[in-house]
Amino acid sequence: MTFLFGILVWFLVGWHGVAWAGAAPEAVAPPALQAMTKAVLEEKSPDQRSALEKFAEQYSDTPDGVLAYLALGYEAFQARRDDEAKRYFQAAS
């Protein structure tokens, strides 16, 4: 497991004692976001990637939208689609 993947999982599963963008200290990503991210990263599901993209666009101004963009960027980075990864990482910032 790479360092970046570990950080991404840490955010998606939940973190303790960290308040980010007004989130509760023990914020946990919604189950739908967790399921889509897992399908994209582990199962390489194109349908779930499309669903995750729509989720990221819809919630782009929330921490969950940012996490979705990070997951998409990481998946694109792993697949060596550098321009796509850059676009997702920029959207997350």
C-alpha atoms as a PDB file:
ATOM      1  CA  MET A   1       0.000   0.000   0.000  1.00  0.00           C
ATOM      2  CA  THR A   2       1.466   3.314  -0.980  1.00  0.00           C
ATOM      3  CA  PHE A   3       1.613   6.303   1.307  1.00  0.00           C
ATOM      4  CA  LEU A   4      -0.891   8.307  -0.764  1.00  0.00           C
ATOM      5  CA  PHE A   5      -3.367   5.430  -0.819  1.00  0.00           C
ATOM      6  CA  GLY A   6      -3.029   5.112   2.945  1.00  0.00           C
ATOM      7  CA  ILE A   7      -3.838   8.783   3.418  1.00  0.00           C
ATOM      8  CA  LEU A   8      -6.815   8.530   1.074  1.00  0.00           C
ATOM      9  CA  VAL A   9      -8.193   5.530   2.960  1.00  0.00           C
ATOM     10  CA  TRP A  10      -7.619   7.341   6.244  1.00  0.00           C
ATOM     11  CA  PHE A  11      -9.801  10.231   5.043  1.00  0.00           C
ATOM     12  CA  LEU A  12     -12.493   8.000   3.562  1.00  0.00           C
ATOM     13  CA  VAL A  13     -12.809   5.671   6.529  1.00  0.00           C
ATOM     14  CA  GLY A  14     -12.623   8.428   9.077  1.00  0.00           C
ATOM     15  CA  TRP A  15     -10.214  10.308  11.195  1.00  0.00           C
ATOM     16  CA  HIS A  16     -10.257  11.263  14.862  1.00  0.00           C
ATOM     17  CA  GLY A  17      -9.457  14.619  16.348  1.00  0.00           C
ATOM     18  CA  VAL A  18      -9.147  16.456  13.033  1.00  0.00           C
ATOM     19  CA  ALA A  19     -11.564  19.181  12.015  1.00  0.00           C
ATOM     20  CA  TRP A  20     -11.298  20.045   8.323  1.00  0.00           C
ATOM     21  CA  ALA A  21     -13.391  22.685   6.584  1.00  0.00           C
ATOM     22  CA  GLY A  22     -15.864  22.753   9.451  1.00  0.00           C
ATOM     23  CA  ALA A  23     -16.338  18.992   9.555  1.00  0.00           C
ATOM     24  CA  ALA A  24     -17.078  17.288  12.827  1.00  0.00           C
ATOM     25  CA  PRO A  25     -13.947  16.010  14.611  1.00  0.00           C
ATOM     26  CA  GLU A  26     -14.921  12.421  13.880  1.00  0.00           C
ATOM     27  CA  ALA A  27     -16.095  12.874  10.306  1.00  0.00           C
ATOM     28  CA  VAL A  28     -16.622   9.834   8.135  1.00  0.00           C
ATOM     29  CA  ALA A  29     -17.197   9.846   4.404  1.00  0.00           C
ATOM     30  CA  PRO A  30     -20.684   8.726   3.369  1.00  0.00           C
ATOM     31  CA  PRO A  31     -21.056   4.998   2.646  1.00  0.00           C
ATOM     32  CA  ALA A  32     -21.851   5.734  -0.997  1.00  0.00           C
ATOM     33  CA  LEU A  33     -18.550   7.605  -1.393  1.00  0.00           C
ATOM     34  CA  GLN A  34     -16.665   4.780   0.302  1.00  0.00           C
ATOM     35  CA  ALA A  35     -18.286   2.163  -1.941  1.00  0.00           C
ATOM     36  CA  MET A  36     -17.661   4.111  -5.155  1.00  0.00           C
ATOM     37  CA  THR A  37     -14.052   4.807  -4.215  1.00  0.00           C
ATOM     38  CA  LYS A  38     -13.404   1.164  -3.364  1.00  0.00           C
ATOM     39  CA  ALA A  39     -14.904   0.053  -6.682  1.00  0.00           C
ATOM     40  CA  VAL A  40     -12.805   2.573  -8.606  1.00  0.00           C
ATOM     41  CA  LEU A  41      -9.520   1.826  -6.827  1.00  0.00           C
ATOM     42  CA  GLU A  42      -9.789  -1.918  -6.289  1.00  0.00           C
ATOM     43  CA  GLU A  43     -12.171  -3.207  -8.939  1.00  0.00           C
ATOM     44  CA  LYS A  44     -11.279  -0.643 -11.641  1.00  0.00           C
ATOM     45  CA  SER A  45     -14.986  -0.247 -12.401  1.00  0.00           C
ATOM     46  CA  PRO A  46     -15.599   2.268 -15.237  1.00  0.00           C
ATOM     47  CA  ASP A  47     -19.245   2.673 -14.216  1.00  0.00           C
ATOM     48  CA  GLN A  48     -18.281   3.477 -10.649  1.00  0.00           C
ATOM     49  CA  ARG A  49     -15.586   5.881 -11.868  1.00  0.00           C
ATOM     50  CA  SER A  50     -18.253   7.735 -13.833  1.00  0.00           C
ATOM     51  CA  ALA A  51     -20.510   7.790 -10.769  1.00  0.00           C
ATOM     52  CA  LEU A  52     -17.630   9.046  -8.624  1.00  0.00           C
ATOM     53  CA  GLU A  53     -16.919  11.810 -11.165  1.00  0.00           C
ATOM     54  CA  LYS A  54     -20.553  12.925 -11.017  1.00  0.00           C
ATOM     55  CA  PHE A  55     -20.428  12.826  -7.215  1.00  0.00           C
ATOM     56  CA  ALA A  56     -17.237  14.917  -7.193  1.00  0.00           C
ATOM     57  CA  GLU A  57     -18.756  17.501  -9.528  1.00  0.00           C
ATOM     58  CA  GLN A  58     -21.996  17.695  -7.560  1.00  0.00           C
ATOM     59  CA  TYR A  59     -20.237  18.088  -4.194  1.00  0.00           C
ATOM     60  CA  SER A  60     -17.113  19.909  -5.366  1.00  0.00           C
ATOM     61  CA  ASP A  61     -17.453  22.563  -2.669  1.00  0.00           C
ATOM     62  CA  THR A  62     -17.555  20.027   0.192  1.00  0.00           C
ATOM     63  CA  PRO A  63     -14.884  17.851   1.818  1.00  0.00           C
ATOM     64  CA  ASP A  64     -16.601  14.761   0.338  1.00  0.00           C
ATOM     65  CA  GLY A  65     -16.283  16.198  -3.168  1.00  0.00           C
ATOM     66  CA  VAL A  66     -12.616  16.922  -2.562  1.00  0.00           C
ATOM     67  CA  LEU A  67     -12.079  13.337  -1.389  1.00  0.00           C
ATOM     68  CA  ALA A  68     -13.812  12.061  -4.511  1.00  0.00           C
ATOM     69  CA  TYR A  69     -11.478  14.143  -6.689  1.00  0.00           C
ATOM     70  CA  LEU A  70      -8.464  12.857  -4.753  1.00  0.00           C
ATOM     71  CA  ALA A  71      -9.588   9.265  -5.294  1.00  0.00           C
ATOM     72  CA  LEU A  72     -10.099   9.889  -9.011  1.00  0.00           C
ATOM     73  CA  GLY A  73      -6.701  11.565  -9.245  1.00  0.00           C
ATOM     74  CA  TYR A  74      -4.994   8.708  -7.451  1.00  0.00           C
ATOM     75  CA  GLU A  75      -6.650   6.129  -9.717  1.00  0.00           C
ATOM     76  CA  ALA A  76      -5.619   8.076 -12.829  1.00  0.00           C
ATOM     77  CA  PHE A  77      -2.086   8.463 -11.448  1.00  0.00           C
ATOM     78  CA  GLN A  78      -1.831   4.704 -10.871  1.00  0.00           C
ATOM     79  CA  ALA A  79      -3.003   4.074 -14.433  1.00  0.00           C
ATOM     80  CA  ARG A  80      -0.382   6.555 -15.706  1.00  0.00           C
ATOM     81  CA  ARG A  81      -2.977   8.933 -17.096  1.00  0.00           C
ATOM     82  CA  ASP A  82      -0.962  11.906 -15.896  1.00  0.00           C
ATOM     83  CA  ASP A  83      -2.950  14.714 -17.520  1.00  0.00           C
ATOM     84  CA  GLU A  84      -6.191  13.316 -16.112  1.00  0.00           C
ATOM     85  CA  ALA A  85      -4.621  12.857 -12.672  1.00  0.00           C
ATOM     86  CA  LYS A  86      -3.382  16.450 -12.715  1.00  0.00           C
ATOM     87  CA  ARG A  87      -6.850  17.705 -13.610  1.00  0.00           C
ATOM     88  CA  TYR A  88      -8.443  15.799 -10.720  1.00  0.00           C
ATOM     89  CA  PHE A  89      -5.801  16.870  -8.218  1.00  0.00           C
ATOM     90  CA  GLN A  90      -6.232  20.497  -9.296  1.00  0.00           C
ATOM     91  CA  ALA A  91     -10.003  20.175  -8.875  1.00  0.00           C
ATOM     92  CA  ALA A  92      -9.395  18.899  -5.338  1.00  0.00           C
ATOM     93  CA  SER A  93      -7.356  21.955  -4.381  1.00  0.00           C
END
